[in-house]
Protein backbone atom coordinates (compact mmCIF):
# COMPACT_ATOMS: atom_id res chain seq x y z
CA MET A 1 -23.28 -41.22 23.51
CA LYS A 2 -19.77 -42.63 22.68
CA MET A 3 -20.02 -41.68 18.90
CA LYS A 4 -21.82 -38.43 19.50
CA LYS A 5 -18.66 -37.51 21.65
CA MET A 6 -16.34 -38.60 19.13
CA ALA A 7 -17.87 -36.37 16.39
CA SER A 8 -18.13 -33.47 18.65
CA PHE A 9 -14.46 -33.80 19.77
CA LEU A 10 -13.47 -34.50 15.79
CA ILE A 11 -15.49 -31.07 14.93
CA PHE A 12 -14.30 -28.96 18.14
CA LEU A 13 -10.62 -30.62 16.33
CA LEU A 14 -11.55 -29.01 13.15
CA ILE A 15 -12.99 -25.83 14.05
CA MET A 16 -9.87 -25.10 15.92
CA THR A 17 -7.34 -26.22 13.21
CA MET A 18 -9.59 -23.86 10.94
CA ALA A 19 -9.04 -21.43 13.08
CA LEU A 20 -5.52 -21.69 13.45
CA SER A 21 -4.60 -21.92 10.08
CA GLY A 22 -6.83 -18.81 9.42
CA CYS A 23 -4.75 -16.54 11.86
CA ASN A 24 -1.51 -17.79 10.32
CA PHE A 25 1.09 -18.39 13.33
CA SER A 26 3.98 -18.41 13.17
CA SER A 27 7.23 -18.30 15.52
CA SER A 28 9.57 -16.81 12.86
CA LYS A 29 10.61 -13.51 13.21
CA ASP A 30 12.47 -12.89 10.34
CA THR A 31 9.41 -11.10 8.39
CA SER A 32 10.43 -10.83 5.12
CA SER A 33 10.53 -14.92 5.16
CA LYS A 34 6.77 -15.04 5.24
CA GLY A 35 5.05 -16.00 2.06
CA SER A 36 3.01 -13.87 -0.43
CA GLY A 37 0.44 -15.37 -2.63
CA GLY A 38 1.60 -19.08 -3.03
CA ASP A 39 0.15 -22.72 -1.97
CA LYS A 40 1.13 -25.46 -0.25
CA SER A 41 3.74 -27.07 -3.61
CA GLY A 42 5.50 -23.73 -3.24
CA LYS A 43 3.99 -22.49 -6.30
CA SER A 44 2.84 -19.02 -6.67
CA LYS A 45 -0.62 -17.89 -6.92
CA GLN A 46 0.15 -14.44 -7.67
CA VAL A 47 -2.13 -12.84 -5.16
CA LEU A 48 -0.83 -9.21 -3.77
CA ARG A 49 -2.11 -8.38 -0.65
CA VAL A 50 -1.74 -4.45 0.45
CA THR A 51 -3.69 -1.81 2.29
CA GLU A 52 -5.10 1.43 1.91
CA SER A 53 -5.71 3.90 4.39
CA SER A 54 -9.31 4.71 3.27
CA GLU A 55 -12.41 3.67 1.50
CA ILE A 56 -12.25 4.18 -2.87
CA PRO A 57 -14.11 7.75 -2.62
CA THR A 58 -15.33 7.29 -6.53
CA MET A 59 -14.84 5.05 -9.24
CA ASP A 60 -15.88 7.93 -11.63
CA SER A 61 -13.05 9.22 -13.35
CA THR A 62 -14.47 12.59 -14.02
CA LYS A 63 -15.15 13.12 -10.27
CA ALA A 64 -11.75 11.62 -8.75
CA HIS A 65 -9.19 13.73 -6.74
CA ASP A 66 -7.57 11.66 -4.44
CA THR A 67 -4.51 9.24 -4.41
CA VAL A 68 -6.70 6.28 -3.17
CA ALA A 69 -8.92 6.55 -6.74
CA PHE A 70 -6.16 7.40 -8.69
CA THR A 71 -4.30 4.06 -7.63
CA VAL A 72 -7.55 1.89 -8.51
CA LEU A 73 -8.13 4.16 -11.74
CA ASN A 74 -5.04 3.96 -13.12
CA ASN A 75 -4.92 0.11 -13.06
CA THR A 76 -8.52 -0.59 -13.79
CA LYS A 77 -8.59 1.94 -16.97
CA GLU A 78 -6.16 2.64 -19.72
CA GLY A 79 -6.07 6.67 -21.26
CA LEU A 80 -4.09 7.71 -24.06
CA TYR A 81 -0.76 7.28 -22.19
CA ARG A 82 -0.06 6.06 -18.61
CA GLN A 83 3.50 6.26 -16.69
CA ASP A 84 6.20 2.95 -16.95
CA LYS A 85 8.32 1.39 -15.00
CA ASN A 86 10.61 4.34 -14.93
CA ASN A 87 7.45 7.14 -14.65
CA GLN A 88 7.42 8.32 -18.12
CA PRO A 89 4.95 8.79 -20.38
CA ILE A 90 4.45 5.61 -22.99
CA MET A 91 1.59 5.27 -25.04
CA ALA A 92 -1.60 3.07 -23.91
CA MET A 93 -4.51 3.28 -25.94
CA ALA A 94 -2.98 5.20 -28.51
CA GLU A 95 -1.09 2.97 -31.37
CA LYS A 96 0.03 6.49 -32.91
CA HIS A 97 0.31 10.07 -32.21
CA GLU A 98 1.15 12.59 -34.92
CA LYS A 99 1.18 16.30 -34.50
CA SER A 100 1.06 19.22 -36.74
CA ASP A 101 3.92 21.24 -37.29
CA ASP A 102 3.07 23.81 -35.17
CA SER A 103 2.46 21.30 -32.47
CA LEU A 104 -1.03 22.59 -31.65
CA VAL A 105 -3.25 19.41 -33.07
CA HIS A 106 -2.52 16.33 -32.14
CA THR A 107 -3.99 13.12 -33.91
CA PHE A 108 -4.13 9.82 -31.94
CA LYS A 109 -5.08 6.30 -33.48
CA ILE A 110 -7.13 4.10 -30.58
CA ARG A 111 -5.61 0.77 -31.17
CA ASP A 112 -7.75 -2.22 -31.04
CA ALA A 113 -9.17 -2.58 -27.34
CA LYS A 114 -12.27 -3.84 -25.44
CA TRP A 115 -14.05 -2.79 -22.41
CA SER A 116 -14.83 -5.48 -19.67
CA ASN A 117 -18.44 -5.67 -21.15
CA GLY A 118 -17.27 -6.63 -24.45
CA ASP A 119 -17.68 -2.93 -26.45
CA PRO A 120 -14.89 -1.63 -27.98
CA VAL A 121 -12.87 1.28 -26.80
CA THR A 122 -13.49 4.08 -29.31
CA ALA A 123 -12.52 7.63 -29.69
CA HIS A 124 -15.89 8.52 -28.86
CA ASP A 125 -15.27 7.64 -25.34
CA PHE A 126 -12.30 9.91 -24.77
CA GLU A 127 -14.17 13.21 -26.04
CA TYR A 128 -17.46 12.43 -24.13
CA ALA A 129 -15.46 11.75 -20.66
CA TRP A 130 -13.31 14.85 -21.33
CA LYS A 131 -16.14 16.99 -21.80
CA LYS A 132 -17.49 15.29 -19.28
CA VAL A 133 -15.05 16.91 -16.72
CA MET A 134 -15.47 20.14 -18.25
CA LYS A 135 -19.56 19.83 -18.31
CA GLU A 136 -19.69 19.14 -14.46
CA ALA A 137 -16.52 21.12 -13.57
CA GLY A 138 -14.61 18.29 -12.27
CA ALA A 139 -12.41 18.94 -9.66
CA TYR A 140 -9.44 18.46 -12.10
CA ASN A 141 -10.48 20.21 -14.71
CA TYR A 142 -7.95 22.53 -14.61
CA MET A 143 -5.70 19.69 -16.01
CA PHE A 144 -6.77 20.74 -19.59
CA VAL A 145 -6.39 23.93 -18.76
CA THR A 146 -3.22 22.53 -17.80
CA ALA A 147 -2.05 20.55 -20.94
CA GLY A 148 -3.59 24.00 -22.79
CA VAL A 149 -6.36 22.20 -24.38
CA LYS A 150 -8.61 24.61 -26.83
CA ASN A 151 -11.52 26.58 -25.05
CA ALA A 152 -10.74 24.78 -21.44
CA GLN A 153 -9.98 28.15 -19.92
CA ALA A 154 -13.21 29.97 -21.61
CA ILE A 155 -15.08 26.86 -20.40
CA MET A 156 -13.66 27.30 -16.56
CA ASP A 157 -14.69 30.96 -16.62
CA GLY A 158 -18.11 30.26 -18.26
CA LYS A 159 -17.63 31.99 -21.63
CA LYS A 160 -18.18 29.15 -23.99
CA ASP A 161 -19.91 26.05 -23.53
CA ALA A 162 -18.45 22.28 -22.65
CA ASP A 163 -18.62 21.01 -25.85
CA GLU A 164 -16.32 23.88 -27.42
CA LEU A 165 -13.85 21.93 -25.79
CA GLY A 166 -10.62 21.16 -28.25
CA VAL A 167 -11.24 17.36 -28.60
CA LYS A 168 -12.97 15.24 -31.45
CA ALA A 169 -13.45 11.77 -32.27
CA VAL A 170 -13.11 11.92 -35.73
CA ASP A 171 -14.26 8.33 -36.15
CA ASP A 172 -13.71 5.18 -33.97
CA LYS A 173 -10.35 5.16 -34.18
CA THR A 174 -9.42 8.41 -34.40
CA LEU A 175 -8.99 11.24 -31.61
CA LYS A 176 -8.02 14.81 -32.36
CA VAL A 177 -6.82 17.51 -30.30
CA THR A 178 -6.49 21.07 -29.98
CA LEU A 179 -4.79 22.82 -28.23
CA GLU A 180 -4.18 26.47 -27.90
CA ARG A 181 -0.21 26.48 -27.04
CA PRO A 182 2.36 23.87 -28.11
CA ASN A 183 2.64 21.99 -24.66
CA PRO A 184 5.80 20.13 -24.05
CA LEU A 185 4.34 18.02 -21.11
CA LEU A 186 1.31 16.99 -23.21
CA GLU A 187 2.30 13.08 -22.87
CA THR A 188 3.38 13.40 -19.43
CA LEU A 189 0.07 15.25 -18.45
CA LEU A 190 -1.99 12.49 -20.65
CA THR A 191 -1.02 9.90 -17.70
CA PHE A 192 -3.20 11.63 -15.50
CA PRO A 193 -6.81 9.90 -14.70
CA THR A 194 -8.79 13.16 -15.53
CA PHE A 195 -7.77 12.58 -19.19
CA LEU A 196 -9.18 8.62 -19.03
CA PRO A 197 -12.08 7.39 -21.32
CA GLN A 198 -16.17 6.53 -20.38
CA ASN A 199 -18.68 4.04 -22.43
CA GLN A 200 -21.26 6.65 -22.72
CA LYS A 201 -23.88 3.84 -23.25
CA PHE A 202 -22.90 1.99 -20.07
CA VAL A 203 -22.88 5.43 -17.88
CA GLU A 204 -25.76 6.58 -19.00
CA LYS A 205 -27.36 3.25 -18.44
CA MET A 206 -25.77 3.26 -14.92
CA GLY A 207 -27.83 6.86 -14.16
CA ASP A 208 -26.49 8.18 -10.90
CA GLN A 209 -25.71 4.24 -9.74
CA TYR A 210 -22.72 4.75 -11.97
CA ALA A 211 -19.09 4.05 -10.29
CA LEU A 212 -20.63 3.33 -6.90
CA GLU A 213 -20.11 -0.21 -7.27
CA TYR A 214 -17.69 -3.25 -8.81
CA ASP A 215 -20.29 -3.88 -11.18
CA LYS A 216 -21.54 -0.43 -11.86
CA VAL A 217 -18.10 0.65 -13.59
CA LEU A 218 -16.56 -0.79 -16.48
CA SER A 219 -12.65 -1.54 -17.17
CA ASN A 220 -10.29 -1.74 -20.14
CA GLY A 221 -7.44 -1.53 -17.97
CA PRO A 222 -5.24 -4.56 -16.79
CA PHE A 223 -7.48 -5.34 -13.80
CA LYS A 224 -10.41 -5.18 -13.26
CA LEU A 225 -13.05 -5.38 -10.04
CA SER A 226 -14.47 -8.40 -8.91
CA ALA A 227 -15.35 -7.54 -4.92
CA TRP A 228 -15.62 -3.72 -3.06
CA LYS A 229 -16.73 -4.44 0.00
CA HIS A 230 -17.02 -0.01 1.23
CA GLU A 231 -14.93 0.90 4.22
CA GLN A 232 -13.54 -2.61 4.57
CA GLY A 233 -11.78 -3.67 1.29
CA TRP A 234 -11.77 -4.22 -2.35
CA THR A 235 -10.06 -7.15 -5.21
CA TYR A 236 -8.81 -6.90 -8.23
CA VAL A 237 -8.68 -10.02 -11.12
CA LYS A 238 -6.90 -9.30 -14.27
CA ASN A 239 -8.48 -8.34 -16.80
CA PRO A 240 -8.37 -11.07 -19.89
CA ASP A 241 -10.02 -8.86 -22.33
CA TYR A 242 -7.10 -5.99 -21.34
CA TRP A 243 -5.44 -5.92 -24.68
CA ASP A 244 -1.71 -6.02 -23.12
CA ALA A 245 -3.19 -9.18 -20.94
CA LYS A 246 -0.26 -11.36 -21.69
CA ASN A 247 2.19 -9.02 -19.86
CA VAL A 248 0.16 -8.87 -16.82
CA LYS A 249 1.53 -11.50 -13.97
CA LEU A 250 -1.07 -11.21 -11.27
CA ASN A 251 -3.86 -13.26 -11.07
CA LYS A 252 -5.75 -10.76 -7.86
CA ILE A 253 -4.75 -8.04 -5.71
CA LYS A 254 -6.59 -7.84 -2.34
CA VAL A 255 -6.86 -4.60 -0.77
CA TYR A 256 -7.88 -3.98 3.14
CA VAL A 257 -8.78 -0.60 4.24
CA VAL A 258 -6.91 0.21 7.66
CA LYS A 259 -6.93 3.44 8.95
CA ASN A 260 -4.91 2.50 12.12
CA ASP A 261 -1.34 2.08 11.95
CA LYS A 262 -1.10 -0.69 14.61
CA THR A 263 -3.58 -2.53 12.89
CA GLY A 264 -1.94 -2.69 9.75
CA LEU A 265 1.05 -3.93 11.65
CA ASN A 266 -0.94 -6.73 13.40
CA LEU A 267 -1.71 -7.51 10.07
CA TYR A 268 1.65 -7.82 8.43
CA GLU A 269 3.11 -9.45 11.54
CA SER A 270 -0.31 -12.32 11.12
CA GLY A 271 0.89 -13.09 7.41
CA LYS A 272 -2.26 -11.32 6.09
CA ILE A 273 -1.04 -8.88 3.94
CA ASP A 274 2.55 -8.81 1.96
CA ARG A 275 3.16 -4.62 2.60
CA VAL A 276 2.94 -2.11 5.46
CA SER A 277 3.76 1.42 5.94
CA LEU A 278 5.45 2.19 9.41
CA SER A 279 4.73 5.22 11.90
CA ALA A 280 7.53 6.89 13.02
CA SER A 281 7.11 5.04 16.49
CA ALA A 282 7.58 1.86 14.86
CA VAL A 283 10.63 2.38 12.76
CA ASP A 284 13.23 1.66 15.45
CA ASN A 285 11.62 -1.88 15.93
CA TYR A 286 11.97 -3.18 12.62
CA LYS A 287 15.08 -1.30 11.26
CA ASP A 288 17.26 -4.10 11.33
CA ASP A 289 14.59 -6.99 9.75
CA LYS A 290 15.26 -8.13 6.18
CA ALA A 291 11.76 -6.55 5.41
CA PHE A 292 12.73 -3.16 6.24
CA LYS A 293 13.44 -0.06 3.94
CA THR A 294 12.74 3.16 3.80
CA LYS A 295 12.01 5.45 0.26
CA THR A 296 12.21 8.99 -0.47
CA LEU A 297 9.48 10.04 -2.16
CA ALA A 298 8.49 13.40 -4.38
CA GLY A 299 5.65 14.84 -1.77
CA ILE A 300 6.42 18.09 0.14
CA GLY A 301 6.13 19.33 3.65
CA PHE A 302 6.14 23.10 4.21
CA LEU A 303 4.61 25.87 6.11
CA ARG A 304 2.14 28.24 4.89
CA PHE A 305 1.96 31.96 5.94
CA ASN A 306 -1.16 34.30 5.94
CA LEU A 307 0.48 36.86 4.05
CA ASN A 308 -2.37 39.66 5.23
CA HIS A 309 -0.78 38.44 8.98
CA PRO A 310 0.38 41.82 10.61
CA ALA A 311 3.63 40.34 11.50
CA LEU A 312 3.64 37.02 8.89
CA LYS A 313 3.83 39.86 6.25
CA ASN A 314 6.65 41.15 6.94
CA GLU A 315 9.38 39.55 4.73
CA ASN A 316 12.70 39.20 7.53
CA ILE A 317 9.97 37.77 9.79
CA ARG A 318 9.70 35.11 7.76
CA ARG A 319 13.22 34.62 6.45
CA ALA A 320 13.60 34.53 10.04
CA ILE A 321 11.48 31.63 10.64
CA ASN A 322 12.90 29.69 7.63
CA LEU A 323 16.28 29.85 8.96
CA ALA A 324 15.30 28.96 12.28
CA ILE A 325 14.05 25.33 12.04
CA ASP A 326 16.55 22.74 12.06
CA LYS A 327 15.23 20.51 9.17
CA LYS A 328 17.56 17.78 10.13
CA GLY A 329 16.36 17.49 13.47
CA LEU A 330 12.43 17.58 12.14
CA THR A 331 13.05 14.73 10.05
CA ASP A 332 15.12 13.07 11.97
CA ILE A 333 13.44 12.92 15.26
CA ALA A 334 9.90 13.67 14.69
CA LEU A 335 9.50 12.13 10.90
CA ASN A 336 12.41 9.36 11.08
CA ASN A 337 10.55 7.35 7.88
CA GLY A 338 13.18 8.43 5.44
CA ALA A 339 12.22 12.11 4.92
CA VAL A 340 14.96 14.49 4.16
CA PRO A 341 15.19 18.40 4.97
CA LEU A 342 14.32 20.39 2.09
CA TYR A 343 15.45 23.51 0.98
CA GLY A 344 13.29 24.50 -1.93
CA VAL A 345 9.79 23.88 -3.43
CA VAL A 346 10.99 21.37 -5.70
CA PRO A 347 12.86 18.13 -4.47
CA GLY A 348 15.45 16.47 -5.67
CA ASN A 349 16.48 12.90 -7.80
CA TYR A 350 12.37 13.46 -9.39
CA TYR A 351 13.39 16.23 -12.09
CA TYR A 352 16.07 16.65 -14.41
CA SER A 353 17.47 19.28 -16.98
CA PRO A 354 17.68 18.26 -20.40
CA GLY A 355 21.12 17.88 -19.36
CA LYS A 356 20.12 15.06 -16.74
CA LYS A 357 21.04 17.12 -13.88
CA ASP A 358 18.90 17.10 -10.70
CA PHE A 359 16.82 20.18 -10.76
CA ARG A 360 17.74 20.81 -7.17
CA LYS A 361 21.47 20.28 -7.28
CA LEU A 362 20.88 22.97 -10.06
CA ASN A 363 19.56 25.44 -7.69
CA GLY A 364 21.23 24.50 -4.65
CA ASP A 365 19.75 24.73 -1.18
CA LEU A 366 17.67 28.21 -0.64
CA LEU A 367 16.99 29.54 2.54
CA LYS A 368 19.64 27.91 4.84
CA GLY A 369 21.28 29.80 7.48
CA THR A 370 22.12 29.93 11.14
CA ALA A 371 20.28 30.35 14.28
CA LYS A 372 22.24 33.53 14.37
CA GLU A 373 21.16 34.52 11.30
CA ALA A 374 18.02 33.76 12.12
CA LYS A 375 18.12 36.37 14.92
CA LYS A 376 19.31 39.18 13.17
CA TYR A 377 16.66 38.77 10.30
CA TRP A 378 14.03 38.18 13.33
CA GLU A 379 14.90 41.62 14.97
CA LYS A 380 14.89 43.10 11.81
CA GLY A 381 11.38 42.34 11.56
CA LEU A 382 10.15 42.85 14.85
CA LYS A 383 11.62 46.77 14.59
CA GLU A 384 9.91 47.47 11.10
CA ILE A 385 6.46 45.94 12.82
CA GLY A 386 6.88 48.25 16.09
CA LYS A 387 6.65 45.32 17.95
CA ASP A 388 8.57 43.34 20.83
CA LYS A 389 6.64 40.16 20.39
CA VAL A 390 4.68 37.60 17.92
CA ASN A 391 2.04 35.36 18.81
CA VAL A 392 0.50 33.15 16.19
CA SER A 393 -0.83 29.84 15.87
CA ILE A 394 0.03 27.24 13.45
CA ASN A 395 -3.39 24.76 11.68
CA ILE A 396 -2.37 21.41 11.81
CA SER A 397 -4.21 18.08 11.00
CA ASP A 398 -4.93 16.33 13.97
CA VAL A 399 -2.91 12.97 13.57
CA GLU A 400 0.20 11.62 15.37
CA GLU A 401 2.74 12.69 12.45
CA SER A 402 1.14 16.49 12.82
CA LYS A 403 1.31 16.44 16.37
CA LYS A 404 5.25 15.54 16.64
CA MET A 405 5.94 18.20 13.73
CA ALA A 406 4.41 20.85 15.22
CA GLU A 407 5.46 20.06 18.49
CA PHE A 408 9.01 19.96 17.10
CA LEU A 409 8.70 23.57 15.39
CA GLN A 410 7.23 24.98 18.38
CA SER A 411 10.16 24.17 20.46
CA GLN A 412 12.17 25.34 17.95
CA LEU A 413 10.74 29.01 17.19
CA GLU A 414 10.32 29.63 20.99
CA SER A 415 13.63 28.86 21.64
CA LYS A 416 15.77 30.51 19.39
CA LEU A 417 13.17 33.47 18.30
CA PRO A 418 12.77 36.13 21.54
CA GLY A 419 9.30 36.84 21.95
CA PHE A 420 8.01 33.94 19.54
CA LYS A 421 4.90 32.18 20.66
CA MET A 422 3.24 29.67 18.88
CA GLU A 423 -0.54 28.16 19.71
CA ILE A 424 -1.00 24.61 18.16
CA LYS A 425 -4.48 24.01 16.95
CA ALA A 426 -5.23 20.67 15.80
CA VAL A 427 -8.38 19.88 13.52
CA PRO A 428 -9.53 16.60 11.27
CA PHE A 429 -7.62 16.70 7.72
CA GLU A 430 -10.58 18.40 5.80
CA GLN A 431 -11.25 20.88 8.11
CA ARG A 432 -7.56 21.56 7.85
CA LEU A 433 -7.89 21.91 4.27
CA GLU A 434 -10.86 24.49 4.45
CA ILE A 435 -9.01 26.94 7.17
CA GLU A 436 -6.62 26.74 4.59
CA LYS A 437 -8.80 27.56 1.84
CA SER A 438 -10.78 30.62 3.35
CA ILE A 439 -7.00 32.11 4.49
CA LYS A 440 -8.32 31.79 8.22
CA TYR A 441 -5.12 30.83 9.94
CA ASP A 442 -1.83 32.49 10.65
CA ILE A 443 0.72 29.48 9.85
CA SER A 444 -0.59 25.89 8.57
CA LEU A 445 1.59 23.04 8.29
CA SER A 446 0.92 21.56 4.83
CA THR A 447 1.70 19.02 2.14
CA TRP A 448 2.10 18.93 -1.42
CA GLY A 449 1.86 16.36 -3.81
CA PRO A 450 2.99 16.52 -7.13
CA ASP A 451 0.27 15.94 -9.99
CA TYR A 452 2.16 15.08 -12.97
CA SER A 453 6.46 14.37 -13.22
CA ASP A 454 7.46 18.11 -13.77
CA PRO A 455 8.83 20.76 -11.75
CA MET A 456 5.98 23.19 -12.77
CA THR A 457 3.41 21.14 -10.46
CA TYR A 458 5.01 22.62 -7.73
CA LEU A 459 5.84 26.21 -8.96
CA ASP A 460 2.52 27.19 -11.05
CA MET A 461 0.66 26.65 -7.83
CA TRP A 462 1.94 30.28 -6.53
CA VAL A 463 0.22 31.78 -9.74
CA THR A 464 -2.05 34.71 -8.16
CA GLY A 465 -5.70 33.60 -7.64
CA SER A 466 -4.73 29.54 -7.91
CA SER A 467 -6.80 26.94 -6.21
CA ALA A 468 -3.32 26.06 -4.59
CA ASN A 469 -2.36 29.36 -3.35
CA ARG A 470 -4.17 29.15 -0.25
CA GLU A 471 -2.09 32.49 1.67
CA ASP A 472 -3.19 35.00 -0.89
CA TYR A 473 0.60 35.43 -2.27
CA ALA A 474 0.50 37.52 -5.60
CA ASN A 475 3.65 38.63 -7.92
CA PRO A 476 2.27 39.96 -11.59
CA GLU A 477 6.12 39.33 -12.32
CA TYR A 478 5.95 35.35 -11.57
CA ASP A 479 2.56 35.07 -12.74
CA LYS A 480 3.85 36.28 -16.62
CA LEU A 481 7.07 34.05 -15.66
CA VAL A 482 4.73 31.11 -15.33
CA GLU A 483 2.68 31.90 -18.16
CA LYS A 484 6.09 32.00 -20.46
CA ALA A 485 7.32 28.91 -19.15
CA ARG A 486 3.69 27.40 -20.04
CA THR A 487 4.22 28.04 -23.76
CA GLU A 488 8.30 27.60 -24.30
CA THR A 489 9.01 24.88 -26.05
CA ASP A 490 13.02 25.11 -25.56
CA LEU A 491 13.11 22.97 -22.88
CA ALA A 492 16.66 24.20 -22.24
CA LYS A 493 15.53 27.80 -21.90
CA ARG A 494 12.37 26.46 -20.21
CA TYR A 495 14.33 24.36 -17.37
CA LYS A 496 15.96 28.30 -16.80
CA MET A 497 12.77 29.98 -16.08
CA LEU A 498 11.68 26.95 -13.35
CA LEU A 499 14.64 27.25 -12.08
CA LYS A 500 14.32 30.82 -11.60
CA LEU A 501 10.69 30.63 -10.60
CA GLU A 502 11.68 28.81 -7.20
CA LYS A 503 14.91 30.97 -6.64
CA VAL A 504 12.07 34.21 -7.03
CA LEU A 505 8.97 32.60 -4.63
CA LEU A 506 11.71 31.46 -2.22
CA GLU A 507 14.84 33.23 -2.12
CA GLU A 508 13.54 36.86 -3.33
CA ASP A 509 9.72 36.81 -1.37
CA VAL A 510 9.92 34.04 1.25
CA ALA A 511 6.47 33.46 0.49
CA ILE A 512 6.82 30.05 2.19
CA ALA A 513 9.00 27.68 4.61
CA PRO A 514 10.06 24.53 2.88
CA LEU A 515 10.57 21.84 5.46
CA TYR A 516 11.14 17.99 4.32
CA GLN A 517 10.67 16.16 1.44
CA LYS A 518 8.27 13.18 1.95
CA GLY A 519 9.96 9.63 3.06
CA GLN A 520 8.44 6.47 3.62
CA ALA A 521 9.40 3.34 5.96
CA ILE A 522 8.07 -0.10 4.81
CA LEU A 523 7.74 -3.89 5.58
CA GLN A 524 7.44 -5.63 2.01
CA HIS A 525 8.27 -9.53 1.51
CA LYS A 526 10.98 -9.67 -1.05
CA ASN A 527 9.39 -11.95 -3.45
CA ILE A 528 7.38 -8.68 -4.39
CA LYS A 529 9.04 -7.74 -7.48
CA ASN A 530 8.47 -4.74 -9.90
CA LEU A 531 5.82 -3.12 -7.16
CA VAL A 532 5.89 0.30 -9.39
CA GLN A 533 5.41 3.30 -7.34
CA HIS A 534 5.41 6.44 -8.97
CA PRO A 535 6.02 10.17 -7.42
CA SER A 536 2.83 12.04 -9.03
CA GLY A 537 -0.83 10.77 -10.23
CA PRO A 538 -1.57 7.40 -9.00
CA GLU A 539 0.52 6.18 -6.30
CA PHE A 540 0.76 2.43 -7.77
CA THR A 541 0.99 0.36 -11.08
CA TYR A 542 0.28 -3.36 -10.97
CA LYS A 543 0.52 -4.01 -14.81
CA TRP A 544 4.30 -5.43 -14.27
CA THR A 545 3.97 -6.87 -10.51
CA TYR A 546 4.86 -10.31 -9.95
CA ILE A 547 5.49 -12.74 -6.99
CA GLU A 548 8.62 -14.29 -7.39
């Protein structure tokens, strides 16, 4: 009996030791000192542990349409080009890129590389995937129009067949892409996940199961998935068959799906993850932590106006709303995460002219004024519409951050514009988007993340009939200038057109109300190096990341 009791006691001790070890209990208050991916000897195992806010919607590059999927695809696959550490396009699967004298025909030589099943990556894989996007009307098929690929618009309009898209595999190593017009942004656009290749034989073998599990998709990028537990997380491992594997230092990346800010913070505090984003309410508690930092991002927040609304279709009413908002108060109080006030539709410190000057500084602060000026335009607008008050509602996502912003805006506008009343209508994110798309709102608190690294990604969304133009804004002269800028190969002249477009949209037409340039407050272990975060397209590249 004594021996049985002793054995039971020893087992109990072993279980408790393992439990405590698994929870990684620590009395350290300096979260930056917690290790990442290391063993007992202190030698790094090169394992990074991060979170995502949602499940991977799809691993099919022809269907992907969100940042989570884009990031996974960016790290498990490789297109002709990819973004480098400075967010510039560099050749990836393309070993050589030649163009005709008129810049309409682009010929790419495909480098020697393998899919994770051992098959060679060929030019046919690109032709197949690109035409598949057009055949299935993928979410980002318009990127082929933006790139100017021959017949893309005609295919979308139903006038031509997807097989007539201007892309052809001349042989296994040669891909020819024909454009309808010269495009100075082609290399930049080719970094986008919609332009990734697919192995046709494997895709057809998987059928309707393709890309639904980690082993139902192939990789030709720096990493491949070794596990995918739906709604819980996934694991990347280094891809030994990647053509540039010698420059990939991480052995593994563990990703946890965390939808609650507090849960993510608890995981970080307990040493389970190496990086976490903070909500506005948590920032003040950690701003003195050595691991704390803020980053200003390229995404923007703004107000959309239903331009069919009896009051909001009045330019002076919209101008008054713009000028009445204390944007610094909005970013400092309601957001508190590194976001900055925005007085334009193109954010600062991301996009530069051929002369290396920041777009935002070149165009200056637009729609900036005082409360007194706001009241003057407000009174003028009320007189023009024959009203002494205006009642509207604001469409927002049902999340803490959006609610705080809406309450701040409500207070600002109702206190500074006599007779203005605004009701807050909070709905789930997906429903907010559907309400916007159907233009069944008065004002909508909206956001936009750039698809590619150029000011045009913020400007061409307002073209008449664009899927991103969700307020019935229409200006024929604006449309013509966008089309002209798309075909202008003189970069200096093109940039002047982009600057003009922003002024037409905001100063002349007051089509929207820019609010803020997004920010991010994070805690991140100091030994994580070269974690590349992009302003557009996929959020992260792990190819050059390592644990010091």
